[in-house]
Structures are given as C-alpha cells and as structure tokens.
ModelCIF file with pLDDT and N, C-alpha, C, O atoms, coordinates in Angstrom:
data_MODEL
#
_entry.id   MODEL 
#
_entity.id                         1 
_entity.type                       polymer 
_entity.pdbx_number_of_molecules   1 
#
_entity_poly.entity_id                      1 
_entity_poly.type                           'polypeptide(L)' 
_entity_poly.nstd_linkage                   no 
_entity_poly.nstd_monomer                   no 
_entity_poly.pdbx_seq_one_letter_code       HNFKAFMSAGGQSKTFERKIFAIKIKQKGKDITIDVTG 
_entity_poly.pdbx_seq_one_letter_code_can   HNFKAFMSAGGQSKTFERKIFAIKIKQKGKDITIDVTG 
_entity_poly.pdbx_strand_id                 A 
#
loop_
_entity_poly_seq.entity_id 
_entity_poly_seq.num 
_entity_poly_seq.mon_id 
_entity_poly_seq.hetero 
1 1  HIS n 
1 2  ASN n 
1 3  PHE n 
1 4  LYS n 
1 5  ALA n 
1 6  PHE n 
1 7  MET n 
1 8  SER n 
1 9  ALA n 
1 10 GLY n 
1 11 GLY n 
1 12 GLN n 
1 13 SER n 
1 14 LYS n 
1 15 THR n 
1 16 PHE n 
1 17 GLU n 
1 18 ARG n 
1 19 LYS n 
1 20 ILE n 
1 21 PHE n 
1 22 ALA n 
1 23 ILE n 
1 24 LYS n 
1 25 ILE n 
1 26 LYS n 
1 27 GLN n 
1 28 LYS n 
1 29 GLY n 
1 30 LYS n 
1 31 ASP n 
1 32 ILE n 
1 33 THR n 
1 34 ILE n 
1 35 ASP n 
1 36 VAL n 
1 37 THR n 
1 38 GLY n 
#
_struct_asym.id          A 
_struct_asym.entity_id   1 
#
loop_
_ma_qa_metric.id 
_ma_qa_metric.mode 
_ma_qa_metric.name 
_ma_qa_metric.software_group_id 
_ma_qa_metric.type 
1 global pLDDT . pLDDT 
2 local  pLDDT . pLDDT 
#
_ma_qa_metric_global.metric_id      1 
_ma_qa_metric_global.metric_value   94.37 
_ma_qa_metric_global.model_id       1 
_ma_qa_metric_global.ordinal_id     1 
#
loop_
_ma_qa_metric_local.label_asym_id 
_ma_qa_metric_local.label_comp_id 
_ma_qa_metric_local.label_seq_id 
_ma_qa_metric_local.metric_id 
_ma_qa_metric_local.metric_value 
_ma_qa_metric_local.model_id 
_ma_qa_metric_local.ordinal_id 
A HIS 1  2 96.00 1 1  
A ASN 2  2 96.00 1 2  
A PHE 3  2 96.00 1 3  
A LYS 4  2 96.00 1 4  
A ALA 5  2 96.00 1 5  
A PHE 6  2 97.00 1 6  
A MET 7  2 95.00 1 7  
A SER 8  2 93.00 1 8  
A ALA 9  2 87.00 1 9  
A GLY 10 2 82.00 1 10 
A GLY 11 2 80.00 1 11 
A GLN 12 2 78.00 1 12 
A SER 13 2 84.00 1 13 
A LYS 14 2 84.00 1 14 
A THR 15 2 91.00 1 15 
A PHE 16 2 91.00 1 16 
A GLU 17 2 95.00 1 17 
A ARG 18 2 96.00 1 18 
A LYS 19 2 97.00 1 19 
A ILE 20 2 97.00 1 20 
A PHE 21 2 98.00 1 21 
A ALA 22 2 98.00 1 22 
A ILE 23 2 98.00 1 23 
A LYS 24 2 98.00 1 24 
A ILE 25 2 98.00 1 25 
A LYS 26 2 98.00 1 26 
A GLN 27 2 98.00 1 27 
A LYS 28 2 97.00 1 28 
A GLY 29 2 97.00 1 29 
A LYS 30 2 96.00 1 30 
A ASP 31 2 98.00 1 31 
A ILE 32 2 98.00 1 32 
A THR 33 2 98.00 1 33 
A ILE 34 2 98.00 1 34 
A ASP 35 2 98.00 1 35 
A VAL 36 2 98.00 1 36 
A THR 37 2 98.00 1 37 
A GLY 38 2 97.00 1 38 
#
loop_
_atom_site.group_PDB 
_atom_site.id 
_atom_site.type_symbol 
_atom_site.label_atom_id 
_atom_site.label_alt_id 
_atom_site.label_comp_id 
_atom_site.label_asym_id 
_atom_site.label_entity_id 
_atom_site.label_seq_id 
_atom_site.pdbx_PDB_ins_code 
_atom_site.Cartn_x 
_atom_site.Cartn_y 
_atom_site.Cartn_z 
_atom_site.occupancy 
_atom_site.B_iso_or_equiv 
_atom_site.pdbx_formal_charge 
_atom_site.auth_seq_id 
_atom_site.auth_comp_id 
_atom_site.auth_asym_id 
_atom_site.auth_atom_id 
_atom_site.pdbx_PDB_model_num 
ATOM 1   N N  . HIS A 1 1  ? 147.487 -64.888 168.172 1.00 96.00 ? 1  HIS A N  1 
ATOM 2   C CA . HIS A 1 1  ? 146.873 -63.977 167.255 1.00 96.00 ? 1  HIS A CA 1 
ATOM 3   C C  . HIS A 1 1  ? 147.135 -64.283 165.702 1.00 96.00 ? 1  HIS A C  1 
ATOM 4   O O  . HIS A 1 1  ? 148.006 -65.057 165.305 1.00 96.00 ? 1  HIS A O  1 
ATOM 5   N N  . ASN A 1 2  ? 146.350 -63.642 164.972 1.00 96.00 ? 2  ASN A N  1 
ATOM 6   C CA . ASN A 1 2  ? 146.569 -63.799 163.344 1.00 96.00 ? 2  ASN A CA 1 
ATOM 7   C C  . ASN A 1 2  ? 147.533 -62.548 163.337 1.00 96.00 ? 2  ASN A C  1 
ATOM 8   O O  . ASN A 1 2  ? 147.206 -61.462 163.816 1.00 96.00 ? 2  ASN A O  1 
ATOM 9   N N  . PHE A 1 3  ? 148.664 -62.787 162.790 1.00 96.00 ? 3  PHE A N  1 
ATOM 10  C CA . PHE A 1 3  ? 149.827 -61.709 162.709 1.00 96.00 ? 3  PHE A CA 1 
ATOM 11  C C  . PHE A 1 3  ? 150.193 -61.271 161.293 1.00 96.00 ? 3  PHE A C  1 
ATOM 12  O O  . PHE A 1 3  ? 151.277 -60.797 160.954 1.00 96.00 ? 3  PHE A O  1 
ATOM 13  N N  . LYS A 1 4  ? 149.014 -61.522 160.429 1.00 96.00 ? 4  LYS A N  1 
ATOM 14  C CA . LYS A 1 4  ? 149.135 -61.371 159.021 1.00 96.00 ? 4  LYS A CA 1 
ATOM 15  C C  . LYS A 1 4  ? 149.547 -60.008 158.788 1.00 96.00 ? 4  LYS A C  1 
ATOM 16  O O  . LYS A 1 4  ? 150.365 -59.843 157.883 1.00 96.00 ? 4  LYS A O  1 
ATOM 17  N N  . ALA A 1 5  ? 149.064 -58.810 159.546 1.00 96.00 ? 5  ALA A N  1 
ATOM 18  C CA . ALA A 1 5  ? 149.545 -57.474 159.494 1.00 96.00 ? 5  ALA A CA 1 
ATOM 19  C C  . ALA A 1 5  ? 150.897 -57.314 159.762 1.00 96.00 ? 5  ALA A C  1 
ATOM 20  O O  . ALA A 1 5  ? 151.396 -56.238 159.432 1.00 96.00 ? 5  ALA A O  1 
ATOM 21  N N  . PHE A 1 6  ? 151.631 -58.193 160.315 1.00 97.00 ? 6  PHE A N  1 
ATOM 22  C CA . PHE A 1 6  ? 153.051 -58.014 160.716 1.00 97.00 ? 6  PHE A CA 1 
ATOM 23  C C  . PHE A 1 6  ? 153.905 -58.849 159.746 1.00 97.00 ? 6  PHE A C  1 
ATOM 24  O O  . PHE A 1 6  ? 155.054 -59.130 160.089 1.00 97.00 ? 6  PHE A O  1 
ATOM 25  N N  . MET A 1 7  ? 153.455 -59.241 158.626 1.00 95.00 ? 7  MET A N  1 
ATOM 26  C CA . MET A 1 7  ? 154.169 -59.977 157.620 1.00 95.00 ? 7  MET A CA 1 
ATOM 27  C C  . MET A 1 7  ? 154.490 -59.419 156.517 1.00 95.00 ? 7  MET A C  1 
ATOM 28  O O  . MET A 1 7  ? 153.484 -59.053 155.909 1.00 95.00 ? 7  MET A O  1 
ATOM 29  N N  . SER A 1 8  ? 155.702 -59.134 155.851 1.00 93.00 ? 8  SER A N  1 
ATOM 30  C CA . SER A 1 8  ? 156.091 -58.323 154.697 1.00 93.00 ? 8  SER A CA 1 
ATOM 31  C C  . SER A 1 8  ? 155.618 -59.085 153.554 1.00 93.00 ? 8  SER A C  1 
ATOM 32  O O  . SER A 1 8  ? 155.432 -60.302 153.580 1.00 93.00 ? 8  SER A O  1 
ATOM 33  N N  . ALA A 1 9  ? 155.408 -58.239 152.430 1.00 87.00 ? 9  ALA A N  1 
ATOM 34  C CA . ALA A 1 9  ? 154.951 -58.818 151.152 1.00 87.00 ? 9  ALA A CA 1 
ATOM 35  C C  . ALA A 1 9  ? 155.999 -59.713 150.649 1.00 87.00 ? 9  ALA A C  1 
ATOM 36  O O  . ALA A 1 9  ? 157.179 -59.370 150.721 1.00 87.00 ? 9  ALA A O  1 
ATOM 37  N N  . GLY A 1 10 ? 155.638 -60.863 150.132 1.00 82.00 ? 10 GLY A N  1 
ATOM 38  C CA . GLY A 1 10 ? 156.496 -61.912 149.749 1.00 82.00 ? 10 GLY A CA 1 
ATOM 39  C C  . GLY A 1 10 ? 156.721 -62.989 150.661 1.00 82.00 ? 10 GLY A C  1 
ATOM 40  O O  . GLY A 1 10 ? 157.461 -63.921 150.346 1.00 82.00 ? 10 GLY A O  1 
ATOM 41  N N  . GLY A 1 11 ? 156.079 -62.930 151.888 1.00 80.00 ? 11 GLY A N  1 
ATOM 42  C CA . GLY A 1 11 ? 156.039 -63.910 152.807 1.00 80.00 ? 11 GLY A CA 1 
ATOM 43  C C  . GLY A 1 11 ? 155.216 -65.170 152.249 1.00 80.00 ? 11 GLY A C  1 
ATOM 44  O O  . GLY A 1 11 ? 154.168 -64.988 151.629 1.00 80.00 ? 11 GLY A O  1 
ATOM 45  N N  . GLN A 1 12 ? 155.729 -66.459 152.492 1.00 78.00 ? 12 GLN A N  1 
ATOM 46  C CA . GLN A 1 12 ? 155.085 -67.456 151.868 1.00 78.00 ? 12 GLN A CA 1 
ATOM 47  C C  . GLN A 1 12 ? 154.277 -68.368 152.711 1.00 78.00 ? 12 GLN A C  1 
ATOM 48  O O  . GLN A 1 12 ? 153.802 -69.410 152.259 1.00 78.00 ? 12 GLN A O  1 
ATOM 49  N N  . SER A 1 13 ? 154.123 -67.981 153.922 1.00 84.00 ? 13 SER A N  1 
ATOM 50  C CA . SER A 1 13 ? 153.343 -68.692 154.925 1.00 84.00 ? 13 SER A CA 1 
ATOM 51  C C  . SER A 1 13 ? 151.876 -68.835 154.625 1.00 84.00 ? 13 SER A C  1 
ATOM 52  O O  . SER A 1 13 ? 151.248 -67.838 154.268 1.00 84.00 ? 13 SER A O  1 
ATOM 53  N N  . LYS A 1 14 ? 151.292 -69.988 154.742 1.00 84.00 ? 14 LYS A N  1 
ATOM 54  C CA . LYS A 1 14 ? 149.841 -70.130 154.310 1.00 84.00 ? 14 LYS A CA 1 
ATOM 55  C C  . LYS A 1 14 ? 148.859 -69.944 155.605 1.00 84.00 ? 14 LYS A C  1 
ATOM 56  O O  . LYS A 1 14 ? 147.670 -69.633 155.533 1.00 84.00 ? 14 LYS A O  1 
ATOM 57  N N  . THR A 1 15 ? 149.579 -70.190 156.777 1.00 91.00 ? 15 THR A N  1 
ATOM 58  C CA . THR A 1 15 ? 148.602 -69.732 158.012 1.00 91.00 ? 15 THR A CA 1 
ATOM 59  C C  . THR A 1 15 ? 149.335 -68.587 158.803 1.00 91.00 ? 15 THR A C  1 
ATOM 60  O O  . THR A 1 15 ? 150.560 -68.496 158.732 1.00 91.00 ? 15 THR A O  1 
ATOM 61  N N  . PHE A 1 16 ? 148.644 -67.778 159.500 1.00 91.00 ? 16 PHE A N  1 
ATOM 62  C CA . PHE A 1 16 ? 149.273 -66.536 160.138 1.00 91.00 ? 16 PHE A CA 1 
ATOM 63  C C  . PHE A 1 16 ? 149.080 -66.485 161.538 1.00 91.00 ? 16 PHE A C  1 
ATOM 64  O O  . PHE A 1 16 ? 149.428 -65.460 162.124 1.00 91.00 ? 16 PHE A O  1 
ATOM 65  N N  . GLU A 1 17 ? 148.527 -67.530 162.242 1.00 95.00 ? 17 GLU A N  1 
ATOM 66  C CA . GLU A 1 17 ? 148.271 -67.550 163.541 1.00 95.00 ? 17 GLU A CA 1 
ATOM 67  C C  . GLU A 1 17 ? 149.695 -68.081 164.231 1.00 95.00 ? 17 GLU A C  1 
ATOM 68  O O  . GLU A 1 17 ? 150.224 -69.154 163.944 1.00 95.00 ? 17 GLU A O  1 
ATOM 69  N N  . ARG A 1 18 ? 150.143 -67.245 165.071 1.00 96.00 ? 18 ARG A N  1 
ATOM 70  C CA . ARG A 1 18 ? 151.514 -67.486 166.051 1.00 96.00 ? 18 ARG A CA 1 
ATOM 71  C C  . ARG A 1 18 ? 151.121 -67.190 167.342 1.00 96.00 ? 18 ARG A C  1 
ATOM 72  O O  . ARG A 1 18 ? 150.120 -66.556 167.676 1.00 96.00 ? 18 ARG A O  1 
ATOM 73  N N  . LYS A 1 19 ? 152.006 -67.708 168.082 1.00 97.00 ? 19 LYS A N  1 
ATOM 74  C CA . LYS A 1 19 ? 151.714 -67.372 169.646 1.00 97.00 ? 19 LYS A CA 1 
ATOM 75  C C  . LYS A 1 19 ? 153.040 -66.785 170.122 1.00 97.00 ? 19 LYS A C  1 
ATOM 76  O O  . LYS A 1 19 ? 154.121 -67.354 169.971 1.00 97.00 ? 19 LYS A O  1 
ATOM 77  N N  . ILE A 1 20 ? 152.879 -65.656 170.679 1.00 97.00 ? 20 ILE A N  1 
ATOM 78  C CA . ILE A 1 20 ? 154.026 -64.875 171.381 1.00 97.00 ? 20 ILE A CA 1 
ATOM 79  C C  . ILE A 1 20 ? 153.905 -65.072 172.865 1.00 97.00 ? 20 ILE A C  1 
ATOM 80  O O  . ILE A 1 20 ? 152.887 -64.803 173.503 1.00 97.00 ? 20 ILE A O  1 
ATOM 81  N N  . PHE A 1 21 ? 155.055 -65.580 173.387 1.00 98.00 ? 21 PHE A N  1 
ATOM 82  C CA . PHE A 1 21 ? 155.093 -65.939 174.721 1.00 98.00 ? 21 PHE A CA 1 
ATOM 83  C C  . PHE A 1 21 ? 155.411 -64.651 175.580 1.00 98.00 ? 21 PHE A C  1 
ATOM 84  O O  . PHE A 1 21 ? 154.836 -64.396 176.638 1.00 98.00 ? 21 PHE A O  1 
ATOM 85  N N  . ALA A 1 22 ? 156.337 -63.913 175.036 1.00 98.00 ? 22 ALA A N  1 
ATOM 86  C CA . ALA A 1 22 ? 156.842 -62.797 175.758 1.00 98.00 ? 22 ALA A CA 1 
ATOM 87  C C  . ALA A 1 22 ? 157.636 -61.798 174.961 1.00 98.00 ? 22 ALA A C  1 
ATOM 88  O O  . ALA A 1 22 ? 158.490 -62.166 174.154 1.00 98.00 ? 22 ALA A O  1 
ATOM 89  N N  . ILE A 1 23 ? 157.364 -60.585 175.178 1.00 98.00 ? 23 ILE A N  1 
ATOM 90  C CA . ILE A 1 23 ? 158.115 -59.478 174.668 1.00 98.00 ? 23 ILE A CA 1 
ATOM 91  C C  . ILE A 1 23 ? 158.673 -58.581 175.773 1.00 98.00 ? 23 ILE A C  1 
ATOM 92  O O  . ILE A 1 23 ? 157.850 -57.999 176.479 1.00 98.00 ? 23 ILE A O  1 
ATOM 93  N N  . LYS A 1 24 ? 160.156 -58.378 176.036 1.00 98.00 ? 24 LYS A N  1 
ATOM 94  C CA . LYS A 1 24 ? 160.695 -57.817 177.073 1.00 98.00 ? 24 LYS A CA 1 
ATOM 95  C C  . LYS A 1 24 ? 161.534 -56.533 176.541 1.00 98.00 ? 24 LYS A C  1 
ATOM 96  O O  . LYS A 1 24 ? 162.314 -56.663 175.597 1.00 98.00 ? 24 LYS A O  1 
ATOM 97  N N  . ILE A 1 25 ? 161.392 -55.626 177.013 1.00 98.00 ? 25 ILE A N  1 
ATOM 98  C CA . ILE A 1 25 ? 161.960 -54.314 176.663 1.00 98.00 ? 25 ILE A CA 1 
ATOM 99  C C  . ILE A 1 25 ? 162.793 -53.810 177.916 1.00 98.00 ? 25 ILE A C  1 
ATOM 100 O O  . ILE A 1 25 ? 162.257 -53.519 178.985 1.00 98.00 ? 25 ILE A O  1 
ATOM 101 N N  . LYS A 1 26 ? 164.164 -53.737 177.678 1.00 98.00 ? 26 LYS A N  1 
ATOM 102 C CA . LYS A 1 26 ? 165.085 -53.319 178.630 1.00 98.00 ? 26 LYS A CA 1 
ATOM 103 C C  . LYS A 1 26 ? 166.032 -52.198 178.231 1.00 98.00 ? 26 LYS A C  1 
ATOM 104 O O  . LYS A 1 26 ? 166.566 -52.226 177.122 1.00 98.00 ? 26 LYS A O  1 
ATOM 105 N N  . GLN A 1 27 ? 166.240 -51.295 179.022 1.00 98.00 ? 27 GLN A N  1 
ATOM 106 C CA . GLN A 1 27 ? 167.322 -50.322 178.766 1.00 98.00 ? 27 GLN A CA 1 
ATOM 107 C C  . GLN A 1 27 ? 168.464 -50.287 179.889 1.00 98.00 ? 27 GLN A C  1 
ATOM 108 O O  . GLN A 1 27 ? 168.183 -50.449 181.077 1.00 98.00 ? 27 GLN A O  1 
ATOM 109 N N  . LYS A 1 28 ? 169.591 -50.095 179.498 1.00 97.00 ? 28 LYS A N  1 
ATOM 110 C CA . LYS A 1 28 ? 170.762 -49.911 180.340 1.00 97.00 ? 28 LYS A CA 1 
ATOM 111 C C  . LYS A 1 28 ? 171.550 -48.752 179.772 1.00 97.00 ? 28 LYS A C  1 
ATOM 112 O O  . LYS A 1 28 ? 172.178 -48.920 178.727 1.00 97.00 ? 28 LYS A O  1 
ATOM 113 N N  . GLY A 1 29 ? 171.556 -47.636 180.369 1.00 97.00 ? 29 GLY A N  1 
ATOM 114 C CA . GLY A 1 29 ? 172.447 -46.616 179.763 1.00 97.00 ? 29 GLY A CA 1 
ATOM 115 C C  . GLY A 1 29 ? 171.749 -46.170 178.532 1.00 97.00 ? 29 GLY A C  1 
ATOM 116 O O  . GLY A 1 29 ? 170.547 -45.902 178.561 1.00 97.00 ? 29 GLY A O  1 
ATOM 117 N N  . LYS A 1 30 ? 172.497 -46.076 177.395 1.00 96.00 ? 30 LYS A N  1 
ATOM 118 C CA . LYS A 1 30 ? 172.036 -45.739 176.088 1.00 96.00 ? 30 LYS A CA 1 
ATOM 119 C C  . LYS A 1 30 ? 171.460 -47.046 175.339 1.00 96.00 ? 30 LYS A C  1 
ATOM 120 O O  . LYS A 1 30 ? 170.827 -46.909 174.292 1.00 96.00 ? 30 LYS A O  1 
ATOM 121 N N  . ASP A 1 31 ? 171.687 -48.272 175.884 1.00 98.00 ? 31 ASP A N  1 
ATOM 122 C CA . ASP A 1 31 ? 171.301 -49.268 175.101 1.00 98.00 ? 31 ASP A CA 1 
ATOM 123 C C  . ASP A 1 31 ? 170.077 -49.768 175.379 1.00 98.00 ? 31 ASP A C  1 
ATOM 124 O O  . ASP A 1 31 ? 169.736 -49.655 176.556 1.00 98.00 ? 31 ASP A O  1 
ATOM 125 N N  . ILE A 1 32 ? 169.193 -50.373 174.521 1.00 98.00 ? 32 ILE A N  1 
ATOM 126 C CA . ILE A 1 32 ? 168.006 -50.663 174.524 1.00 98.00 ? 32 ILE A CA 1 
ATOM 127 C C  . ILE A 1 32 ? 167.963 -52.154 173.857 1.00 98.00 ? 32 ILE A C  1 
ATOM 128 O O  . ILE A 1 32 ? 168.578 -52.385 172.817 1.00 98.00 ? 32 ILE A O  1 
ATOM 129 N N  . THR A 1 33 ? 167.165 -53.183 174.554 1.00 98.00 ? 33 THR A N  1 
ATOM 130 C CA . THR A 1 33 ? 167.071 -54.526 173.779 1.00 98.00 ? 33 THR A CA 1 
ATOM 131 C C  . THR A 1 33 ? 165.634 -54.791 173.829 1.00 98.00 ? 33 THR A C  1 
ATOM 132 O O  . THR A 1 33 ? 164.946 -54.353 174.751 1.00 98.00 ? 33 THR A O  1 
ATOM 133 N N  . ILE A 1 34 ? 165.174 -55.461 172.913 1.00 98.00 ? 34 ILE A N  1 
ATOM 134 C CA . ILE A 1 34 ? 163.820 -55.988 172.793 1.00 98.00 ? 34 ILE A CA 1 
ATOM 135 C C  . ILE A 1 34 ? 163.774 -57.549 172.386 1.00 98.00 ? 34 ILE A C  1 
ATOM 136 O O  . ILE A 1 34 ? 163.940 -57.941 171.231 1.00 98.00 ? 34 ILE A O  1 
ATOM 137 N N  . ASP A 1 35 ? 163.535 -58.356 173.457 1.00 98.00 ? 35 ASP A N  1 
ATOM 138 C CA . ASP A 1 35 ? 163.471 -59.699 173.148 1.00 98.00 ? 35 ASP A CA 1 
ATOM 139 C C  . ASP A 1 35 ? 162.172 -60.174 173.046 1.00 98.00 ? 35 ASP A C  1 
ATOM 140 O O  . ASP A 1 35 ? 161.359 -59.971 173.947 1.00 98.00 ? 35 ASP A O  1 
ATOM 141 N N  . VAL A 1 36 ? 161.844 -60.905 171.840 1.00 98.00 ? 36 VAL A N  1 
ATOM 142 C CA . VAL A 1 36 ? 160.613 -61.301 171.480 1.00 98.00 ? 36 VAL A CA 1 
ATOM 143 C C  . VAL A 1 36 ? 160.816 -63.044 171.482 1.00 98.00 ? 36 VAL A C  1 
ATOM 144 O O  . VAL A 1 36 ? 161.730 -63.580 170.856 1.00 98.00 ? 36 VAL A O  1 
ATOM 145 N N  . THR A 1 37 ? 159.949 -63.699 172.176 1.00 98.00 ? 37 THR A N  1 
ATOM 146 C CA . THR A 1 37 ? 159.788 -65.180 172.322 1.00 98.00 ? 37 THR A CA 1 
ATOM 147 C C  . THR A 1 37 ? 158.407 -65.521 171.870 1.00 98.00 ? 37 THR A C  1 
ATOM 148 O O  . THR A 1 37 ? 157.349 -65.141 172.372 1.00 98.00 ? 37 THR A O  1 
ATOM 149 N N  . GLY A 1 38 ? 158.610 -66.391 170.719 1.00 97.00 ? 38 GLY A N  1 
ATOM 150 C CA . GLY A 1 38 ? 157.534 -67.025 170.329 1.00 97.00 ? 38 GLY A CA 1 
ATOM 151 C C  . GLY A 1 38 ? 157.399 -68.576 169.723 1.00 97.00 ? 38 GLY A C  1 
ATOM 152 O O  . GLY A 1 38 ? 156.297 -69.019 169.402 1.00 97.00 ? 38 GLY A O  1 
#
C-alpha cells in the first residue's frame, strides 16, 4: 500500500509504497504484543 498517511511529518522518504507481510497481535495475561513484519 501507499502508507503516506502513516508517516510523521519530517520523514524524508520520497516513495511511500511499502509491503506489510504480517501483523500479529497476541495477549498473555496482562501483556499484549504487536509484531509488524514488512
């Protein structure tokens, strides 16, 4: 996708297309982890 909306002001990238392979959300007890692979 074009992820320009997900970049903070000040980013210097000239292209905004990136590929996200996986986003995994897991919870164990009180702890949550979010793994983003791209």
